[in-house]
Every structure is written in structure tokens, then in C-alpha cells.
Amino acid sequence: MGAKAGPLKSAFDNLKTQGVVSHSLVTYRYLNGLLQKETVTRKYQTNGDYLDSTVVEPIGKGSSV
């Protein structure tokens, strides 16, 4: 599923990398009744390469929106 037009899609489409150390996207999601924080990060290296990582942190129970 592709992203729909809007400010978030525009921000992703226009990401710059020159002089950038890292980009991160944080998503809060209810999964099986538990709230979790998902962080996807791209860290740029000086040689132009990059490393991607994902961290999922359980936050606790709550009510979904």
C-alpha cells in the first residue's frame, strides 16, 4: 500500500541526505490490546552508505482510538 498525497508523503519524498546524520520515524500502534512504540531509524555514514534499524518498545495497556 503506497502513501497517499499529503504533508507526510511530501516530507518523505523530499528527504535530503547531505549533512544529515539520521532520519527517524516513530509510530505508536495498538497490537493485541497493547500499545507499542515503533522507531525506524536510518543513520548515515561518512562514506555515503547507511544503516537502518527498527526498535519496538512495549508501552502497556490502554484503549485504542
C-alpha atoms as a PDB file:
ATOM      1  CA  MET A   1       0.000   0.000   0.000  1.00  0.00           C
ATOM      2  CA  GLY A   2       1.522   3.307  -1.075  1.00  0.00           C
ATOM      3  CA  ALA A   3       1.306   6.535   0.875  1.00  0.00           C
ATOM      4  CA  LYS A   4      -1.439   8.975  -0.085  1.00  0.00           C
ATOM      5  CA  ALA A   5      -0.653  12.560  -1.028  1.00  0.00           C
ATOM      6  CA  GLY A   6      -0.171  14.902   1.893  1.00  0.00           C
ATOM      7  CA  PRO A   7       2.469  16.554   4.055  1.00  0.00           C
ATOM      8  CA  LEU A   8       3.941  13.287   5.394  1.00  0.00           C
ATOM      9  CA  LYS A   9       4.357  11.771   1.907  1.00  0.00           C
ATOM     10  CA  SER A  10       5.848  15.031   0.672  1.00  0.00           C
ATOM     11  CA  ALA A  11       8.328  15.059   3.581  1.00  0.00           C
ATOM     12  CA  PHE A  12       9.453  11.509   2.741  1.00  0.00           C
ATOM     13  CA  ASP A  13       9.690  12.194  -0.980  1.00  0.00           C
ATOM     14  CA  ASN A  14      11.869  15.265  -0.370  1.00  0.00           C
ATOM     15  CA  LEU A  15      14.232  13.860   2.280  1.00  0.00           C
ATOM     16  CA  LYS A  16      17.729  15.269   1.910  1.00  0.00           C
ATOM     17  CA  THR A  17      20.796  13.296   2.957  1.00  0.00           C
ATOM     18  CA  GLN A  18      23.652  15.753   2.559  1.00  0.00           C
ATOM     19  CA  GLY A  19      24.812  16.849   6.010  1.00  0.00           C
ATOM     20  CA  VAL A  20      22.186  14.633   7.670  1.00  0.00           C
ATOM     21  CA  VAL A  21      23.273  12.291  10.476  1.00  0.00           C
ATOM     22  CA  SER A  22      20.000  10.341  10.769  1.00  0.00           C
ATOM     23  CA  HIS A  23      16.282  10.203   9.978  1.00  0.00           C
ATOM     24  CA  SER A  24      13.704   8.563  12.261  1.00  0.00           C
ATOM     25  CA  LEU A  25      10.028   7.697  12.017  1.00  0.00           C
ATOM     26  CA  VAL A  26       8.110   6.985  15.238  1.00  0.00           C
ATOM     27  CA  THR A  27       4.784   5.139  15.133  1.00  0.00           C
ATOM     28  CA  TYR A  28       2.546   4.348  18.118  1.00  0.00           C
ATOM     29  CA  ARG A  29       0.411   1.278  17.463  1.00  0.00           C
ATOM     30  CA  TYR A  30      -2.068  -0.896  19.327  1.00  0.00           C
ATOM     31  CA  LEU A  31      -1.342  -4.556  18.734  1.00  0.00           C
ATOM     32  CA  ASN A  32      -3.272  -7.273  20.558  1.00  0.00           C
ATOM     33  CA  GLY A  33      -4.578  -4.714  23.069  1.00  0.00           C
ATOM     34  CA  LEU A  34      -1.119  -3.364  23.948  1.00  0.00           C
ATOM     35  CA  LEU A  35       0.317  -0.004  22.965  1.00  0.00           C
ATOM     36  CA  GLN A  36       3.776  -0.109  21.435  1.00  0.00           C
ATOM     37  CA  LYS A  37       6.216   2.474  20.110  1.00  0.00           C
ATOM     38  CA  GLU A  38       7.948   1.560  16.849  1.00  0.00           C
ATOM     39  CA  THR A  39      11.002   3.601  15.818  1.00  0.00           C
ATOM     40  CA  VAL A  40      12.628   3.119  12.411  1.00  0.00           C
ATOM     41  CA  THR A  41      15.960   4.945  12.035  1.00  0.00           C
ATOM     42  CA  ARG A  42      18.373   5.427   9.142  1.00  0.00           C
ATOM     43  CA  LYS A  43      21.868   6.510  10.234  1.00  0.00           C
ATOM     44  CA  TYR A  44      24.118   7.875   7.502  1.00  0.00           C
ATOM     45  CA  GLN A  45      27.825   7.110   7.357  1.00  0.00           C
ATOM     46  CA  THR A  46      30.530   9.442   6.040  1.00  0.00           C
ATOM     47  CA  ASN A  47      31.116   7.176   3.008  1.00  0.00           C
ATOM     48  CA  GLY A  48      27.523   7.702   1.777  1.00  0.00           C
ATOM     49  CA  ASP A  49      26.259   4.338   2.997  1.00  0.00           C
ATOM     50  CA  TYR A  50      23.638   3.991   5.734  1.00  0.00           C
ATOM     51  CA  LEU A  51      22.407   1.594   8.408  1.00  0.00           C
ATOM     52  CA  ASP A  52      18.707   1.009   9.062  1.00  0.00           C
ATOM     53  CA  SER A  53      17.335  -0.206  12.391  1.00  0.00           C
ATOM     54  CA  THR A  54      13.948  -0.830  13.970  1.00  0.00           C
ATOM     55  CA  VAL A  55      13.158  -0.747  17.691  1.00  0.00           C
ATOM     56  CA  VAL A  56       9.799  -1.835  19.114  1.00  0.00           C
ATOM     57  CA  GLU A  57       9.102  -0.812  22.716  1.00  0.00           C
ATOM     58  CA  PRO A  58       6.025  -2.094  24.562  1.00  0.00           C
ATOM     59  CA  ILE A  59       4.324   0.729  26.453  1.00  0.00           C
ATOM     60  CA  GLY A  60       1.389  -1.001  28.099  1.00  0.00           C
ATOM     61  CA  LYS A  61      -2.342  -1.497  28.006  1.00  0.00           C
ATOM     62  CA  GLY A  62      -4.796   1.176  27.072  1.00  0.00           C
ATOM     63  CA  SER A  63      -7.743   1.815  24.853  1.00  0.00           C
ATOM     64  CA  SER A  64      -7.245   2.198  21.109  1.00  0.00           C
ATOM     65  CA  VAL A  65      -8.538   5.268  19.348  1.00  0.00           C
END
